[in-house]
Protein backbone atom coordinates (compact mmCIF):
# COMPACT_ATOMS: atom_id res chain seq x y z
CA MET A 1 80.94 48.30 97.25
CA PRO A 2 84.64 48.71 96.49
CA GLU A 3 85.26 51.15 99.32
CA GLU A 4 88.94 51.73 98.57
CA THR A 5 88.10 52.88 95.03
CA MET A 6 85.21 55.02 96.28
CA LEU A 7 87.58 56.56 98.78
CA SER A 8 90.00 57.51 96.01
CA VAL A 9 87.17 59.32 94.16
CA LEU A 10 86.39 61.25 97.35
CA GLU A 11 90.04 62.07 97.98
CA ASP A 12 90.36 63.39 94.42
CA LEU A 13 87.38 65.66 95.02
CA LEU A 14 88.83 66.82 98.34
CA ARG A 15 91.94 68.01 96.49
CA GLU A 16 89.85 70.81 94.98
CA GLU A 17 90.64 74.04 96.80
CA ASP A 18 87.03 74.84 97.76
CA VAL A 19 86.00 71.33 98.81
CA LEU A 20 86.52 71.46 102.56
CA ALA A 21 85.02 68.08 103.48
CA VAL A 22 83.38 65.26 101.55
CA MET A 23 81.66 61.94 102.18
CA LEU A 24 79.61 59.30 100.47
CA ALA A 25 76.62 59.08 102.79
CA ARG A 26 74.39 56.03 102.93
CA LYS A 27 71.17 55.69 104.86
CA ASN A 28 71.47 53.49 107.95
CA GLU A 29 75.10 52.70 107.14
CA ILE A 30 78.50 54.10 107.98
CA SER A 31 79.55 56.72 105.45
CA ILE A 32 82.67 56.42 103.34
CA MET A 33 84.95 59.41 103.79
CA PRO A 34 88.59 60.41 103.75
CA SER A 35 90.35 60.77 107.06
CA PRO A 36 88.95 63.84 108.88
CA GLU A 37 92.54 65.07 109.25
CA LYS A 38 92.42 65.79 105.50
CA PHE A 39 89.39 68.06 105.88
CA LYS A 40 89.96 71.80 105.58
CA LEU A 41 87.10 72.96 107.82
CA LYS A 42 87.70 75.71 110.37
CA ASN A 43 84.77 74.36 112.37
CA PRO A 44 84.68 70.53 112.36
CA ALA A 45 81.47 70.58 114.42
CA VAL A 46 79.60 71.38 111.19
CA PHE A 47 80.70 68.09 109.66
CA ASN A 48 79.98 66.16 112.85
CA LEU A 49 76.45 67.58 112.99
CA LEU A 50 75.87 66.77 109.34
CA GLN A 51 77.11 63.23 109.78
CA SER A 52 74.99 62.62 112.88
CA THR A 53 71.77 63.84 111.23
CA MET A 54 72.19 62.08 107.88
CA ASN A 55 69.43 59.50 108.46
CA GLU A 56 66.91 62.25 109.19
CA PHE A 57 67.94 63.98 105.99
CA PHE A 58 67.41 60.79 103.99
CA ALA A 59 63.85 60.62 105.33
CA VAL A 60 63.21 64.00 103.67
CA ILE A 61 65.00 62.95 100.47
CA GLU A 62 62.77 59.88 100.13
CA LYS A 63 59.67 62.05 100.20
CA PHE A 64 60.90 64.25 97.35
CA SER A 65 62.79 61.68 95.26
CA GLU A 66 59.58 60.56 93.54
CA GLN A 67 59.30 64.12 92.21
CA GLY A 68 62.80 64.03 90.71
CA LEU A 69 64.92 65.47 93.50
CA ASP A 70 68.50 65.30 92.27
CA LYS A 71 70.52 67.86 94.24
CA VAL A 72 70.13 69.74 97.49
CA TYR A 73 72.03 72.84 98.59
CA PHE A 74 71.86 74.70 101.86
CA GLU A 75 73.97 77.17 103.77
CA LEU A 76 75.22 76.72 107.31
CA GLY A 77 76.81 80.02 108.29
CA GLU A 78 80.00 80.42 106.28
CA TYR A 79 79.56 77.01 104.59
CA GLU A 80 77.42 75.57 101.83
CA VAL A 81 76.49 71.89 101.86
CA MET A 82 75.98 70.20 98.50
CA PHE A 83 74.13 66.88 98.22
CA PHE A 84 74.25 65.09 94.88
CA LEU A 85 71.94 62.09 95.07
CA ILE A 86 73.19 58.83 93.66
CA SER A 87 70.19 56.73 94.66
CA GLY A 88 67.42 57.00 97.22
CA ASP A 89 69.75 55.89 99.99
CA THR A 90 73.13 57.24 98.86
CA ALA A 91 74.42 60.78 98.34
CA LEU A 92 77.70 62.47 97.58
CA VAL A 93 78.03 65.26 100.14
CA ALA A 94 80.52 68.13 100.11
CA ILE A 95 81.01 71.13 102.36
CA THR A 96 82.35 74.23 100.62
CA PRO A 97 82.77 77.91 101.49
CA ALA A 98 79.43 79.72 101.10
CA LEU A 99 80.89 82.08 98.50
CA ALA A 100 82.74 79.46 96.42
CA ASN A 101 82.29 79.15 92.66
CA ARG A 102 79.25 76.86 92.62
CA GLY A 103 79.33 76.27 88.85
CA PHE A 104 82.85 74.86 88.97
CA LEU A 105 82.05 72.78 92.04
CA GLU A 106 78.89 71.39 90.42
CA VAL A 107 80.97 70.11 87.50
CA GLU A 108 83.45 68.45 89.87
CA MET A 109 80.64 66.97 91.99
CA GLU A 110 78.86 65.64 88.89
CA ASN A 111 82.07 64.02 87.63
CA SER A 112 82.56 62.38 91.03
CA ARG A 113 78.93 61.27 91.17
CA ARG A 114 79.28 59.60 87.76
CA ALA A 115 82.45 57.84 88.89
CA VAL A 116 80.70 56.54 92.02
CA LYS A 117 77.66 55.38 90.00
CA LYS A 118 79.96 53.51 87.65
CA LEU A 119 81.71 51.80 90.58
CA ILE A 120 78.36 50.84 92.10
CA SER A 121 77.17 49.37 88.80
CA LEU A 122 80.31 47.19 88.60
CA VAL A 123 79.45 45.63 91.95
CA ARG A 124 75.85 44.79 91.07
């Protein structure tokens, strides 16, 4: 996977005001993400917890992916976590403020997901 190019897609997404942290998570692999110094989280422990539990989350995703699971949203206190699935073992993950404009963020996440899918297809 061309990680430098993937990283540029993530950094572009992180430039959005309400995207506080972002990563391309892969099951049983190290995630691709911008430098944590670029994150805008008040509480970095939220990201650390998310990153450390990613494999458990993919176990749940696998169970629902056969039924067409495409996106997952959940709130963690003042944050919302958005998962846009790219494949059964890869997801674009962003942390946003809980009260952010979800419609706008969904468009930006979808554009980023398409860019990542295109990059993945070039490698295969």
